[in-house]
Amino acid sequence: MDLVTDLLVTLAYGAVGVVLMAIGYVLVDVATPGRLRELIWVDRNRNAALLLASNLAGVGVIVVAAIVSSDDDFVDGIVGAGAYGLLGLLIMSAAFVLLDLASPGKLGEILVDPEPHPAVWVSGVVHLATGGIIAAAIS
């Protein structure tokens, strides 16, 4: 019976993580001109791919930290993963807006330029650092 319970718990955490990453995808899609689906999979835009990947990794780090810190309390872990994940996405979005204000031009347009742009690396690190900060705060 423990295996079945563990599998169901894992399924629940996985579902929360996927939903949070889907929300992250939508937020990045809204922040950038054009559709991410086409930019990444059709146009093979590396800037857009790096921006999205860093966002998804940041969310993943937060969810992992919430699971680890739950001390095998499923309710605490699943609620924490969802709540901290949403908070992380909110903070990542705020950091993106602040970086946009500090950048010349519109950051979203720069980040989907077909030519590689250093601003993408800065924005990507902001996503990863934000995820790491939230994860550290959870512990």
C-alpha atoms as a PDB file:
ATOM      1  CA  MET A   1       0.000   0.000   0.000  1.00  0.00           C
ATOM      2  CA  ASP A   2       2.926   2.390   0.624  1.00  0.00           C
ATOM      3  CA  LEU A   3       3.959   2.176  -3.019  1.00  0.00           C
ATOM      4  CA  VAL A   4       0.480   3.168  -4.191  1.00  0.00           C
ATOM      5  CA  THR A   5       0.400   6.084  -1.744  1.00  0.00           C
ATOM      6  CA  ASP A   6       3.872   7.217  -2.797  1.00  0.00           C
ATOM      7  CA  LEU A   7       2.880   7.037  -6.459  1.00  0.00           C
ATOM      8  CA  LEU A   8      -0.259   9.122  -5.840  1.00  0.00           C
ATOM      9  CA  VAL A   9       1.718  11.708  -3.862  1.00  0.00           C
ATOM     10  CA  THR A  10       4.291  11.877  -6.649  1.00  0.00           C
ATOM     11  CA  LEU A  11       1.504  12.280  -9.208  1.00  0.00           C
ATOM     12  CA  ALA A  12       0.007  15.156  -7.200  1.00  0.00           C
ATOM     13  CA  TYR A  13       3.350  16.952  -6.884  1.00  0.00           C
ATOM     14  CA  GLY A  14       4.006  16.394 -10.566  1.00  0.00           C
ATOM     15  CA  ALA A  15       0.612  17.853 -11.463  1.00  0.00           C
ATOM     16  CA  VAL A  16       1.231  20.955  -9.328  1.00  0.00           C
ATOM     17  CA  GLY A  17       4.656  21.396 -10.905  1.00  0.00           C
ATOM     18  CA  VAL A  18       3.275  21.058 -14.442  1.00  0.00           C
ATOM     19  CA  VAL A  19       0.446  23.517 -13.737  1.00  0.00           C
ATOM     20  CA  LEU A  20       2.938  26.051 -12.331  1.00  0.00           C
ATOM     21  CA  MET A  21       5.206  25.622 -15.351  1.00  0.00           C
ATOM     22  CA  ALA A  22       2.190  26.107 -17.630  1.00  0.00           C
ATOM     23  CA  ILE A  23       1.412  29.362 -15.809  1.00  0.00           C
ATOM     24  CA  GLY A  24       5.072  30.349 -16.230  1.00  0.00           C
ATOM     25  CA  TYR A  25       4.812  29.610 -19.951  1.00  0.00           C
ATOM     26  CA  VAL A  26       1.756  31.858 -20.247  1.00  0.00           C
ATOM     27  CA  LEU A  27       3.461  34.677 -18.340  1.00  0.00           C
ATOM     28  CA  VAL A  28       6.518  34.546 -20.609  1.00  0.00           C
ATOM     29  CA  ASP A  29       4.239  34.365 -23.650  1.00  0.00           C
ATOM     30  CA  VAL A  30       2.374  37.484 -22.501  1.00  0.00           C
ATOM     31  CA  ALA A  31       5.629  39.359 -21.747  1.00  0.00           C
ATOM     32  CA  THR A  32       7.100  38.780 -25.204  1.00  0.00           C
ATOM     33  CA  PRO A  33       5.755  39.864 -28.578  1.00  0.00           C
ATOM     34  CA  GLY A  34       4.639  37.048 -30.840  1.00  0.00           C
ATOM     35  CA  ARG A  35       3.655  33.560 -29.793  1.00  0.00           C
ATOM     36  CA  LEU A  36       6.243  31.504 -27.933  1.00  0.00           C
ATOM     37  CA  ARG A  37       4.973  28.391 -29.648  1.00  0.00           C
ATOM     38  CA  GLU A  38       5.965  29.755 -33.036  1.00  0.00           C
ATOM     39  CA  LEU A  39       9.062  31.625 -31.859  1.00  0.00           C
ATOM     40  CA  ILE A  40      10.616  28.528 -30.300  1.00  0.00           C
ATOM     41  CA  TRP A  41       9.336  25.543 -32.267  1.00  0.00           C
ATOM     42  CA  VAL A  42       8.873  27.074 -35.717  1.00  0.00           C
ATOM     43  CA  ASP A  43      11.333  29.982 -35.870  1.00  0.00           C
ATOM     44  CA  ARG A  44      13.876  28.247 -33.576  1.00  0.00           C
ATOM     45  CA  ASN A  45      14.449  31.510 -31.709  1.00  0.00           C
ATOM     46  CA  ARG A  46      17.202  30.792 -29.176  1.00  0.00           C
ATOM     47  CA  ASN A  47      16.535  33.956 -27.200  1.00  0.00           C
ATOM     48  CA  ALA A  48      12.910  33.001 -26.581  1.00  0.00           C
ATOM     49  CA  ALA A  49      13.899  29.411 -25.756  1.00  0.00           C
ATOM     50  CA  LEU A  50      16.480  30.527 -23.194  1.00  0.00           C
ATOM     51  CA  LEU A  51      14.035  32.932 -21.584  1.00  0.00           C
ATOM     52  CA  LEU A  52      11.345  30.254 -21.272  1.00  0.00           C
ATOM     53  CA  ALA A  53      13.781  27.560 -20.119  1.00  0.00           C
ATOM     54  CA  SER A  54      15.141  29.767 -17.341  1.00  0.00           C
ATOM     55  CA  ASN A  55      11.611  30.541 -16.160  1.00  0.00           C
ATOM     56  CA  LEU A  56      10.671  26.850 -16.085  1.00  0.00           C
ATOM     57  CA  ALA A  57      13.891  25.948 -14.248  1.00  0.00           C
ATOM     58  CA  GLY A  58      13.244  28.677 -11.659  1.00  0.00           C
ATOM     59  CA  VAL A  59       9.752  27.306 -11.030  1.00  0.00           C
ATOM     60  CA  GLY A  60      11.144  23.785 -10.770  1.00  0.00           C
ATOM     61  CA  VAL A  61      13.688  24.837  -8.143  1.00  0.00           C
ATOM     62  CA  ILE A  62      10.905  26.396  -6.057  1.00  0.00           C
ATOM     63  CA  VAL A  63       8.678  23.308  -6.273  1.00  0.00           C
ATOM     64  CA  VAL A  64      11.565  20.993  -5.352  1.00  0.00           C
ATOM     65  CA  ALA A  65      12.405  23.139  -2.303  1.00  0.00           C
ATOM     66  CA  ALA A  66       8.773  23.117  -1.165  1.00  0.00           C
ATOM     67  CA  ILE A  67       8.615  19.328  -1.459  1.00  0.00           C
ATOM     68  CA  VAL A  68      11.906  18.797   0.385  1.00  0.00           C
ATOM     69  CA  SER A  69      10.966  21.172   3.205  1.00  0.00           C
ATOM     70  CA  SER A  70       7.555  19.551   3.758  1.00  0.00           C
ATOM     71  CA  ASP A  71       9.079  16.825   5.995  1.00  0.00           C
ATOM     72  CA  ASP A  72       6.802  14.171   4.483  1.00  0.00           C
ATOM     73  CA  ASP A  73       3.657  16.159   5.335  1.00  0.00           C
ATOM     74  CA  PHE A  74       1.731  15.850   2.080  1.00  0.00           C
ATOM     75  CA  VAL A  75      -0.782  18.629   2.725  1.00  0.00           C
ATOM     76  CA  ASP A  76       1.945  21.046   3.799  1.00  0.00           C
ATOM     77  CA  GLY A  77       4.078  20.061   0.827  1.00  0.00           C
ATOM     78  CA  ILE A  78       1.404  20.316  -1.861  1.00  0.00           C
ATOM     79  CA  VAL A  79       0.011  23.601  -0.518  1.00  0.00           C
ATOM     80  CA  GLY A  80       3.528  24.968  -0.094  1.00  0.00           C
ATOM     81  CA  ALA A  81       4.551  23.921  -3.609  1.00  0.00           C
ATOM     82  CA  GLY A  82       1.530  25.676  -5.091  1.00  0.00           C
ATOM     83  CA  ALA A  83       1.725  28.789  -2.944  1.00  0.00           C
ATOM     84  CA  TYR A  84       5.484  29.270  -3.188  1.00  0.00           C
ATOM     85  CA  GLY A  85       5.381  28.477  -6.894  1.00  0.00           C
ATOM     86  CA  LEU A  86       2.766  31.160  -7.513  1.00  0.00           C
ATOM     87  CA  LEU A  87       4.698  33.614  -5.346  1.00  0.00           C
ATOM     88  CA  GLY A  88       7.849  32.818  -7.298  1.00  0.00           C
ATOM     89  CA  LEU A  89       6.074  33.462 -10.597  1.00  0.00           C
ATOM     90  CA  LEU A  90       4.763  36.758  -9.247  1.00  0.00           C
ATOM     91  CA  ILE A  91       8.242  37.813  -8.129  1.00  0.00           C
ATOM     92  CA  MET A  92       9.781  36.681 -11.437  1.00  0.00           C
ATOM     93  CA  SER A  93       7.207  38.798 -13.273  1.00  0.00           C
ATOM     94  CA  ALA A  94       7.981  41.814 -11.072  1.00  0.00           C
ATOM     95  CA  ALA A  95      11.714  41.324 -11.664  1.00  0.00           C
ATOM     96  CA  PHE A  96      11.076  41.192 -15.418  1.00  0.00           C
ATOM     97  CA  VAL A  97       9.151  44.492 -15.240  1.00  0.00           C
ATOM     98  CA  LEU A  98      11.960  46.110 -13.208  1.00  0.00           C
ATOM     99  CA  LEU A  99      14.578  44.853 -15.658  1.00  0.00           C
ATOM    100  CA  ASP A 100      12.450  46.181 -18.515  1.00  0.00           C
ATOM    101  CA  LEU A 101      12.359  49.609 -16.862  1.00  0.00           C
ATOM    102  CA  ALA A 102      16.145  49.571 -16.461  1.00  0.00           C
ATOM    103  CA  SER A 103      16.738  48.528 -20.086  1.00  0.00           C
ATOM    104  CA  PRO A 104      16.740  50.735 -23.167  1.00  0.00           C
ATOM    105  CA  GLY A 105      13.839  49.873 -25.454  1.00  0.00           C
ATOM    106  CA  LYS A 106      11.277  47.172 -24.763  1.00  0.00           C
ATOM    107  CA  LEU A 107      12.879  44.137 -23.157  1.00  0.00           C
ATOM    108  CA  GLY A 108      10.266  41.759 -24.583  1.00  0.00           C
ATOM    109  CA  GLU A 109      11.142  42.796 -28.132  1.00  0.00           C
ATOM    110  CA  ILE A 110      14.877  42.455 -27.479  1.00  0.00           C
ATOM    111  CA  LEU A 111      14.385  38.992 -26.013  1.00  0.00           C
ATOM    112  CA  VAL A 112      12.724  37.611 -29.142  1.00  0.00           C
ATOM    113  CA  ASP A 113      15.147  39.137 -31.626  1.00  0.00           C
ATOM    114  CA  PRO A 114      16.345  36.431 -34.026  1.00  0.00           C
ATOM    115  CA  GLU A 115      19.972  37.347 -33.312  1.00  0.00           C
ATOM    116  CA  PRO A 116      21.453  36.241 -29.978  1.00  0.00           C
ATOM    117  CA  HIS A 117      21.307  39.063 -27.452  1.00  0.00           C
ATOM    118  CA  PRO A 118      23.146  39.338 -24.103  1.00  0.00           C
ATOM    119  CA  ALA A 119      20.006  40.727 -22.447  1.00  0.00           C
ATOM    120  CA  VAL A 120      18.490  37.249 -22.671  1.00  0.00           C
ATOM    121  CA  TRP A 121      21.228  35.868 -20.435  1.00  0.00           C
ATOM    122  CA  VAL A 122      20.632  38.636 -17.903  1.00  0.00           C
ATOM    123  CA  SER A 123      16.893  38.008 -17.891  1.00  0.00           C
ATOM    124  CA  GLY A 124      17.448  34.256 -17.666  1.00  0.00           C
ATOM    125  CA  VAL A 125      19.742  34.622 -14.665  1.00  0.00           C
ATOM    126  CA  VAL A 126      17.151  36.862 -13.004  1.00  0.00           C
ATOM    127  CA  HIS A 127      14.615  33.995 -13.349  1.00  0.00           C
ATOM    128  CA  LEU A 128      17.040  31.417 -11.961  1.00  0.00           C
ATOM    129  CA  ALA A 129      18.218  33.670  -9.129  1.00  0.00           C
ATOM    130  CA  THR A 130      14.644  34.467  -8.177  1.00  0.00           C
ATOM    131  CA  GLY A 131      13.813  30.771  -8.065  1.00  0.00           C
ATOM    132  CA  GLY A 132      16.898  30.141  -5.924  1.00  0.00           C
ATOM    133  CA  ILE A 133      16.038  32.960  -3.528  1.00  0.00           C
ATOM    134  CA  ILE A 134      12.477  31.701  -3.046  1.00  0.00           C
ATOM    135  CA  ALA A 135      13.800  28.152  -2.601  1.00  0.00           C
ATOM    136  CA  ALA A 136      16.260  29.300   0.062  1.00  0.00           C
ATOM    137  CA  ALA A 137      13.519  31.192   1.873  1.00  0.00           C
ATOM    138  CA  ILE A 138      11.420  28.015   2.024  1.00  0.00           C
ATOM    139  CA  SER A 139      14.065  26.015   3.888  1.00  0.00           C
END
